Amino acid sequence: MKIVIDVFLKSGILDPQGKATEHALAVLGFEGVEEVRIGKQIVLNLATKDAQEAISQADAMAKKLLVNEVIEDYTIEPIQ
């Protein structure tokens, strides 16, 4: 089963990569962009076919290695 973990900085944490992208978009003429936040996406292909088990495994992986919970939030979704 494929699992997607989306990781993003918590609200209030400075995102210099997002700020640089926001500025670059303005320079390129894209108007109305109020804020850009950059995150990462991790796609796991797990051996289990049980969605709940896959989510539980992915959550354990996120907490132990993939996410810095001090400054990052994350979501987990199974995909077909």
PDB file of N, CA and C in Angstrom:
ATOM      1  N   MET A   1       0.839  -1.178   0.000  1.00  0.00           N
ATOM      2  CA  MET A   1       0.000   0.000   0.000  1.00  0.00           C
ATOM      3  C   MET A   1       0.882   1.237   0.000  1.00  0.00           C
ATOM      4  N   LYS A   2       0.516   2.204  -0.809  1.00  0.00           N
ATOM      5  CA  LYS A   2       1.258   3.462  -0.859  1.00  0.00           C
ATOM      6  C   LYS A   2       0.699   4.431   0.173  1.00  0.00           C
ATOM      7  N   ILE A   3       1.632   5.092   0.831  1.00  0.00           N
ATOM      8  CA  ILE A   3       1.300   6.090   1.847  1.00  0.00           C
ATOM      9  C   ILE A   3       2.045   7.379   1.501  1.00  0.00           C
ATOM     10  N   VAL A   4       1.359   8.511   1.631  1.00  0.00           N
ATOM     11  CA  VAL A   4       1.982   9.809   1.410  1.00  0.00           C
ATOM     12  C   VAL A   4       2.034  10.559   2.737  1.00  0.00           C
ATOM     13  N   ILE A   5       3.227  11.021   3.068  1.00  0.00           N
ATOM     14  CA  ILE A   5       3.414  11.858   4.253  1.00  0.00           C
ATOM     15  C   ILE A   5       3.788  13.252   3.753  1.00  0.00           C
ATOM     16  N   ASP A   6       2.940  14.226   4.026  1.00  0.00           N
ATOM     17  CA  ASP A   6       3.225  15.622   3.688  1.00  0.00           C
ATOM     18  C   ASP A   6       3.754  16.302   4.941  1.00  0.00           C
ATOM     19  N   VAL A   7       4.937  16.901   4.819  1.00  0.00           N
ATOM     20  CA  VAL A   7       5.609  17.543   5.947  1.00  0.00           C
ATOM     21  C   VAL A   7       5.728  19.034   5.652  1.00  0.00           C
ATOM     22  N   PHE A   8       5.383  19.858   6.632  1.00  0.00           N
ATOM     23  CA  PHE A   8       5.432  21.303   6.440  1.00  0.00           C
ATOM     24  C   PHE A   8       5.802  21.974   7.751  1.00  0.00           C
ATOM     25  N   LEU A   9       6.432  23.138   7.648  1.00  0.00           N
ATOM     26  CA  LEU A   9       6.826  23.867   8.849  1.00  0.00           C
ATOM     27  C   LEU A   9       5.595  24.335   9.622  1.00  0.00           C
ATOM     28  N   LYS A  10       5.703  24.302  10.924  1.00  0.00           N
ATOM     29  CA  LYS A  10       4.612  24.786  11.762  1.00  0.00           C
ATOM     30  C   LYS A  10       4.407  26.276  11.529  1.00  0.00           C
ATOM     31  N   SER A  11       3.189  26.709  11.753  1.00  0.00           N
ATOM     32  CA  SER A  11       2.867  28.124  11.656  1.00  0.00           C
ATOM     33  C   SER A  11       3.749  28.896  12.631  1.00  0.00           C
ATOM     34  N   GLY A  12       4.300  30.010  12.167  1.00  0.00           N
ATOM     35  CA  GLY A  12       5.157  30.823  13.017  1.00  0.00           C
ATOM     36  C   GLY A  12       6.638  30.519  12.879  1.00  0.00           C
ATOM     37  N   ILE A  13       6.967  29.404  12.226  1.00  0.00           N
ATOM     38  CA  ILE A  13       8.372  29.067  11.978  1.00  0.00           C
ATOM     39  C   ILE A  13       8.791  29.737  10.673  1.00  0.00           C
ATOM     40  N   LEU A  14       9.889  30.476  10.707  1.00  0.00           N
ATOM     41  CA  LEU A  14      10.386  31.167   9.530  1.00  0.00           C
ATOM     42  C   LEU A  14      10.696  30.171   8.408  1.00  0.00           C
ATOM     43  N   ASP A  15      10.257  30.500   7.189  1.00  0.00           N
ATOM     44  CA  ASP A  15      10.468  29.653   6.012  1.00  0.00           C
ATOM     45  C   ASP A  15      11.245  30.442   4.963  1.00  0.00           C
ATOM     46  N   PRO A  16      12.586  30.485   5.062  1.00  0.00           N
ATOM     47  CA  PRO A  16      13.365  31.288   4.118  1.00  0.00           C
ATOM     48  C   PRO A  16      13.218  30.821   2.673  1.00  0.00           C
ATOM     49  N   GLN A  17      13.071  29.538   2.451  1.00  0.00           N
ATOM     50  CA  GLN A  17      12.873  29.023   1.095  1.00  0.00           C
ATOM     51  C   GLN A  17      11.535  29.507   0.531  1.00  0.00           C
ATOM     52  N   GLY A  18      10.513  29.514   1.360  1.00  0.00           N
ATOM     53  CA  GLY A  18       9.212  30.019   0.945  1.00  0.00           C
ATOM     54  C   GLY A  18       9.258  31.505   0.638  1.00  0.00           C
ATOM     55  N   LYS A  19       9.965  32.276   1.485  1.00  0.00           N
ATOM     56  CA  LYS A  19      10.097  33.724   1.255  1.00  0.00           C
ATOM     57  C   LYS A  19      10.821  34.001  -0.058  1.00  0.00           C
ATOM     58  N   ALA A  20      11.892  33.253  -0.334  1.00  0.00           N
ATOM     59  CA  ALA A  20      12.648  33.442  -1.576  1.00  0.00           C
ATOM     60  C   ALA A  20      11.776  33.125  -2.785  1.00  0.00           C
ATOM     61  N   THR A  21      10.981  32.081  -2.684  1.00  0.00           N
ATOM     62  CA  THR A  21      10.074  31.708  -3.777  1.00  0.00           C
ATOM     63  C   THR A  21       8.989  32.758  -3.952  1.00  0.00           C
ATOM     64  N   GLU A  22       8.457  33.262  -2.854  1.00  0.00           N
ATOM     65  CA  GLU A  22       7.450  34.323  -2.903  1.00  0.00           C
ATOM     66  C   GLU A  22       7.996  35.551  -3.623  1.00  0.00           C
ATOM     67  N   HIS A  23       9.226  35.939  -3.290  1.00  0.00           N
ATOM     68  CA  HIS A  23       9.866  37.094  -3.932  1.00  0.00           C
ATOM     69  C   HIS A  23      10.084  36.818  -5.425  1.00  0.00           C
ATOM     70  N   ALA A  24      10.571  35.642  -5.765  1.00  0.00           N
ATOM     71  CA  ALA A  24      10.828  35.298  -7.167  1.00  0.00           C
ATOM     72  C   ALA A  24       9.544  35.324  -7.990  1.00  0.00           C
ATOM     73  N   LEU A  25       8.455  34.855  -7.424  1.00  0.00           N
ATOM     74  CA  LEU A  25       7.173  34.898  -8.136  1.00  0.00           C
ATOM     75  C   LEU A  25       6.753  36.334  -8.414  1.00  0.00           C
ATOM     76  N   ALA A  26       6.954  37.209  -7.429  1.00  0.00           N
ATOM     77  CA  ALA A  26       6.619  38.633  -7.623  1.00  0.00           C
ATOM     78  C   ALA A  26       7.477  39.243  -8.727  1.00  0.00           C
ATOM     79  N   VAL A  27       8.766  38.930  -8.729  1.00  0.00           N
ATOM     80  CA  VAL A  27       9.676  39.443  -9.752  1.00  0.00           C
ATOM     81  C   VAL A  27       9.254  38.962 -11.140  1.00  0.00           C
ATOM     82  N   LEU A  28       8.737  37.752 -11.213  1.00  0.00           N
ATOM     83  CA  LEU A  28       8.290  37.185 -12.491  1.00  0.00           C
ATOM     84  C   LEU A  28       6.918  37.712 -12.923  1.00  0.00           C
ATOM     85  N   GLY A  29       6.323  38.564 -12.103  1.00  0.00           N
ATOM     86  CA  GLY A  29       5.067  39.186 -12.489  1.00  0.00           C
ATOM     87  C   GLY A  29       3.813  38.509 -11.973  1.00  0.00           C
ATOM     88  N   PHE A  30       3.961  37.514 -11.121  1.00  0.00           N
ATOM     89  CA  PHE A  30       2.780  36.860 -10.546  1.00  0.00           C
ATOM     90  C   PHE A  30       2.301  37.699  -9.362  1.00  0.00           C
ATOM     91  N   GLU A  31       1.122  38.278  -9.508  1.00  0.00           N
ATOM     92  CA  GLU A  31       0.580  39.164  -8.478  1.00  0.00           C
ATOM     93  C   GLU A  31      -0.384  38.415  -7.569  1.00  0.00           C
ATOM     94  N   GLY A  32      -0.540  38.940  -6.385  1.00  0.00           N
ATOM     95  CA  GLY A  32      -1.542  38.412  -5.468  1.00  0.00           C
ATOM     96  C   GLY A  32      -1.074  37.235  -4.626  1.00  0.00           C
ATOM     97  N   VAL A  33       0.188  36.841  -4.719  1.00  0.00           N
ATOM     98  CA  VAL A  33       0.700  35.767  -3.869  1.00  0.00           C
ATOM     99  C   VAL A  33       1.025  36.372  -2.511  1.00  0.00           C
ATOM    100  N   GLU A  34       0.268  36.009  -1.508  1.00  0.00           N
ATOM    101  CA  GLU A  34       0.429  36.602  -0.187  1.00  0.00           C
ATOM    102  C   GLU A  34       1.457  35.877   0.672  1.00  0.00           C
ATOM    103  N   GLU A  35       1.593  34.567   0.475  1.00  0.00           N
ATOM    104  CA  GLU A  35       2.556  33.813   1.272  1.00  0.00           C
ATOM    105  C   GLU A  35       2.854  32.494   0.562  1.00  0.00           C
ATOM    106  N   VAL A  36       4.103  32.066   0.643  1.00  0.00           N
ATOM    107  CA  VAL A  36       4.517  30.767   0.106  1.00  0.00           C
ATOM    108  C   VAL A  36       5.184  29.997   1.234  1.00  0.00           C
ATOM    109  N   ARG A  37       4.775  28.769   1.437  1.00  0.00           N
ATOM    110  CA  ARG A  37       5.395  27.870   2.410  1.00  0.00           C
ATOM    111  C   ARG A  37       5.866  26.645   1.637  1.00  0.00           C
ATOM    112  N   ILE A  38       7.086  26.240   1.858  1.00  0.00           N
ATOM    113  CA  ILE A  38       7.666  25.088   1.174  1.00  0.00           C
ATOM    114  C   ILE A  38       7.693  23.910   2.141  1.00  0.00           C
ATOM    115  N   GLY A  39       7.287  22.756   1.666  1.00  0.00           N
ATOM    116  CA  GLY A  39       7.318  21.544   2.478  1.00  0.00           C
ATOM    117  C   GLY A  39       7.971  20.419   1.698  1.00  0.00           C
ATOM    118  N   LYS A  40       7.749  19.212   2.176  1.00  0.00           N
ATOM    119  CA  LYS A  40       8.266  18.047   1.469  1.00  0.00           C
ATOM    120  C   LYS A  40       7.216  16.944   1.506  1.00  0.00           C
ATOM    121  N   GLN A  41       7.327  16.038   0.554  1.00  0.00           N
ATOM    122  CA  GLN A  41       6.404  14.918   0.477  1.00  0.00           C
ATOM    123  C   GLN A  41       7.214  13.627   0.446  1.00  0.00           C
ATOM    124  N   ILE A  42       6.823  12.691   1.285  1.00  0.00           N
ATOM    125  CA  ILE A  42       7.492  11.395   1.358  1.00  0.00           C
ATOM    126  C   ILE A  42       6.468  10.342   0.948  1.00  0.00           C
ATOM    127  N   VAL A  43       6.820   9.525  -0.036  1.00  0.00           N
ATOM    128  CA  VAL A  43       5.926   8.464  -0.503  1.00  0.00           C
ATOM    129  C   VAL A  43       6.540   7.130  -0.114  1.00  0.00           C
ATOM    130  N   LEU A  44       5.780   6.345   0.621  1.00  0.00           N
ATOM    131  CA  LEU A  44       6.225   5.030   1.072  1.00  0.00           C
ATOM    132  C   LEU A  44       5.381   3.955   0.402  1.00  0.00           C
ATOM    133  N   ASN A  45       6.006   2.889  -0.026  1.00  0.00           N
ATOM    134  CA  ASN A  45       5.277   1.732  -0.530  1.00  0.00           C
ATOM    135  C   ASN A  45       5.480   0.622   0.489  1.00  0.00           C
ATOM    136  N   LEU A  46       4.442   0.358   1.264  1.00  0.00           N
ATOM    137  CA  LEU A  46       4.529  -0.607   2.361  1.00  0.00           C
ATOM    138  C   LEU A  46       3.922  -1.947   1.960  1.00  0.00           C
ATOM    139  N   ALA A  47       4.432  -3.022   2.529  1.00  0.00           N
ATOM    140  CA  ALA A  47       4.014  -4.372   2.155  1.00  0.00           C
ATOM    141  C   ALA A  47       2.572  -4.695   2.557  1.00  0.00           C
ATOM    142  N   THR A  48       2.065  -4.034   3.571  1.00  0.00           N
ATOM    143  CA  THR A  48       0.717  -4.348   4.052  1.00  0.00           C
ATOM    144  C   THR A  48      -0.368  -3.856   3.099  1.00  0.00           C
ATOM    145  N   LYS A  49      -1.506  -4.533   3.119  1.00  0.00           N
ATOM    146  CA  LYS A  49      -2.666  -4.098   2.339  1.00  0.00           C
ATOM    147  C   LYS A  49      -3.717  -3.444   3.242  1.00  0.00           C
ATOM    148  N   ASP A  50      -3.487  -3.467   4.547  1.00  0.00           N
ATOM    149  CA  ASP A  50      -4.407  -2.888   5.519  1.00  0.00           C
ATOM    150  C   ASP A  50      -4.084  -1.406   5.702  1.00  0.00           C
ATOM    151  N   ALA A  51      -5.035  -0.541   5.353  1.00  0.00           N
ATOM    152  CA  ALA A  51      -4.802   0.904   5.396  1.00  0.00           C
ATOM    153  C   ALA A  51      -4.471   1.390   6.801  1.00  0.00           C
ATOM    154  N   GLN A  52      -5.174   0.906   7.799  1.00  0.00           N
ATOM    155  CA  GLN A  52      -4.949   1.366   9.168  1.00  0.00           C
ATOM    156  C   GLN A  52      -3.561   0.958   9.655  1.00  0.00           C
ATOM    157  N   GLU A  53      -3.144  -0.249   9.312  1.00  0.00           N
ATOM    158  CA  GLU A  53      -1.805  -0.712   9.692  1.00  0.00           C
ATOM    159  C   GLU A  53      -0.732   0.123   8.987  1.00  0.00           C
ATOM    160  N   ALA A  54      -0.948   0.417   7.710  1.00  0.00           N
ATOM    161  CA  ALA A  54       0.004   1.219   6.942  1.00  0.00           C
ATOM    162  C   ALA A  54       0.131   2.626   7.534  1.00  0.00           C
ATOM    163  N   ILE A  55      -0.990   3.224   7.896  1.00  0.00           N
ATOM    164  CA  ILE A  55      -0.974   4.556   8.505  1.00  0.00           C
ATOM    165  C   ILE A  55      -0.239   4.520   9.842  1.00  0.00           C
ATOM    166  N   SER A  56      -0.482   3.482  10.620  1.00  0.00           N
ATOM    167  CA  SER A  56       0.180   3.336  11.918  1.00  0.00           C
ATOM    168  C   SER A  56       1.698   3.194  11.747  1.00  0.00           C
ATOM    169  N   GLN A  57       2.113   2.380  10.775  1.00  0.00           N
ATOM    170  CA  GLN A  57       3.544   2.214  10.503  1.00  0.00           C
ATOM    171  C   GLN A  57       4.163   3.537  10.052  1.00  0.00           C
ATOM    172  N   ALA A  58       3.487   4.231   9.148  1.00  0.00           N
ATOM    173  CA  ALA A  58       3.994   5.501   8.633  1.00  0.00           C
ATOM    174  C   ALA A  58       4.088   6.543   9.747  1.00  0.00           C
ATOM    175  N   ASP A  59       3.127   6.552  10.645  1.00  0.00           N
ATOM    176  CA  ASP A  59       3.146   7.487  11.762  1.00  0.00           C
ATOM    177  C   ASP A  59       4.352   7.214  12.661  1.00  0.00           C
ATOM    178  N   ALA A  60       4.630   5.955  12.926  1.00  0.00           N
ATOM    179  CA  ALA A  60       5.799   5.599  13.741  1.00  0.00           C
ATOM    180  C   ALA A  60       7.083   6.027  13.043  1.00  0.00           C
ATOM    181  N   MET A  61       7.165   5.817  11.740  1.00  0.00           N
ATOM    182  CA  MET A  61       8.344   6.225  10.968  1.00  0.00           C
ATOM    183  C   MET A  61       8.517   7.742  10.998  1.00  0.00           C
ATOM    184  N   ALA A  62       7.407   8.456  10.860  1.00  0.00           N
ATOM    185  CA  ALA A  62       7.448   9.919  10.873  1.00  0.00           C
ATOM    186  C   ALA A  62       7.984  10.416  12.212  1.00  0.00           C
ATOM    187  N   LYS A  63       7.460   9.864  13.290  1.00  0.00           N
ATOM    188  CA  LYS A  63       7.856  10.325  14.624  1.00  0.00           C
ATOM    189  C   LYS A  63       9.297   9.973  14.965  1.00  0.00           C
ATOM    190  N   LYS A  64       9.775   8.837  14.469  1.00  0.00           N
ATOM    191  CA  LYS A  64      11.132   8.397  14.812  1.00  0.00           C
ATOM    192  C   LYS A  64      12.212   8.973  13.908  1.00  0.00           C
ATOM    193  N   LEU A  65      11.877   9.280  12.636  1.00  0.00           N
ATOM    194  CA  LEU A  65      12.928   9.676  11.712  1.00  0.00           C
ATOM    195  C   LEU A  65      12.559  10.786  10.730  1.00  0.00           C
ATOM    196  N   LEU A  66      11.380  10.723  10.159  1.00  0.00           N
ATOM    197  CA  LEU A  66      11.066  11.539   8.990  1.00  0.00           C
ATOM    198  C   LEU A  66      10.652  12.975   9.292  1.00  0.00           C
ATOM    199  N   VAL A  67      10.201  13.252  10.508  1.00  0.00           N
ATOM    200  CA  VAL A  67       9.658  14.570  10.849  1.00  0.00           C
ATOM    201  C   VAL A  67      10.316  15.086  12.124  1.00  0.00           C
ATOM    202  N   ASN A  68      10.664  16.366  12.106  1.00  0.00           N
ATOM    203  CA  ASN A  68      11.138  17.036  13.315  1.00  0.00           C
ATOM    204  C   ASN A  68       9.915  17.694  13.948  1.00  0.00           C
ATOM    205  N   GLU A  69       9.317  17.024  14.900  1.00  0.00           N
ATOM    206  CA  GLU A  69       8.049  17.490  15.467  1.00  0.00           C
ATOM    207  C   GLU A  69       8.156  18.800  16.244  1.00  0.00           C
ATOM    208  N   VAL A  70       9.367  19.254  16.528  1.00  0.00           N
ATOM    209  CA  VAL A  70       9.543  20.542  17.209  1.00  0.00           C
ATOM    210  C   VAL A  70       9.151  21.676  16.258  1.00  0.00           C
ATOM    211  N   ILE A  71       9.510  21.546  14.970  1.00  0.00           N
ATOM    212  CA  ILE A  71       9.259  22.637  14.020  1.00  0.00           C
ATOM    213  C   ILE A  71       8.371  22.239  12.843  1.00  0.00           C
ATOM    214  N   GLU A  72       8.016  20.956  12.732  1.00  0.00           N
ATOM    215  CA  GLU A  72       7.235  20.504  11.575  1.00  0.00           C
ATOM    216  C   GLU A  72       5.945  19.805  12.000  1.00  0.00           C
ATOM    217  N   ASP A  73       4.927  19.974  11.171  1.00  0.00           N
ATOM    218  CA  ASP A  73       3.689  19.212  11.261  1.00  0.00           C
ATOM    219  C   ASP A  73       3.643  18.277  10.072  1.00  0.00           C
ATOM    220  N   TYR A  74       2.767  17.285  10.121  1.00  0.00           N
ATOM    221  CA  TYR A  74       2.647  16.366   9.001  1.00  0.00           C
ATOM    222  C   TYR A  74       1.262  15.751   8.923  1.00  0.00           C
ATOM    223  N   THR A  75       0.942  15.290   7.731  1.00  0.00           N
ATOM    224  CA  THR A  75      -0.293  14.542   7.512  1.00  0.00           C
ATOM    225  C   THR A  75       0.073  13.237   6.828  1.00  0.00           C
ATOM    226  N   ILE A  76      -0.752  12.225   7.017  1.00  0.00           N
ATOM    227  CA  ILE A  76      -0.524  10.922   6.403  1.00  0.00           C
ATOM    228  C   ILE A  76      -1.796  10.509   5.672  1.00  0.00           C
ATOM    229  N   GLU A  77      -1.625  10.063   4.424  1.00  0.00           N
ATOM    230  CA  GLU A  77      -2.764   9.596   3.625  1.00  0.00           C
ATOM    231  C   GLU A  77      -2.391   8.363   2.827  1.00  0.00           C
ATOM    232  N   PRO A  78      -3.253   7.347   2.839  1.00  0.00           N
ATOM    233  CA  PRO A  78      -3.042   6.220   1.931  1.00  0.00           C
ATOM    234  C   PRO A  78      -3.512   6.642   0.535  1.00  0.00           C
ATOM    235  N   ILE A  79      -2.832   6.158  -0.493  1.00  0.00           N
ATOM    236  CA  ILE A  79      -3.264   6.441  -1.860  1.00  0.00           C
ATOM    237  C   ILE A  79      -3.431   5.127  -2.610  1.00  0.00           C
ATOM    238  N   GLN A  80      -4.293   5.140  -3.565  1.00  0.00           N
ATOM    239  CA  GLN A  80      -4.566   3.917  -4.346  1.00  0.00           C
ATOM    240  C   GLN A  80      -3.689   3.837  -5.560  1.00  0.00           C
TER     241      GLN A  80
END
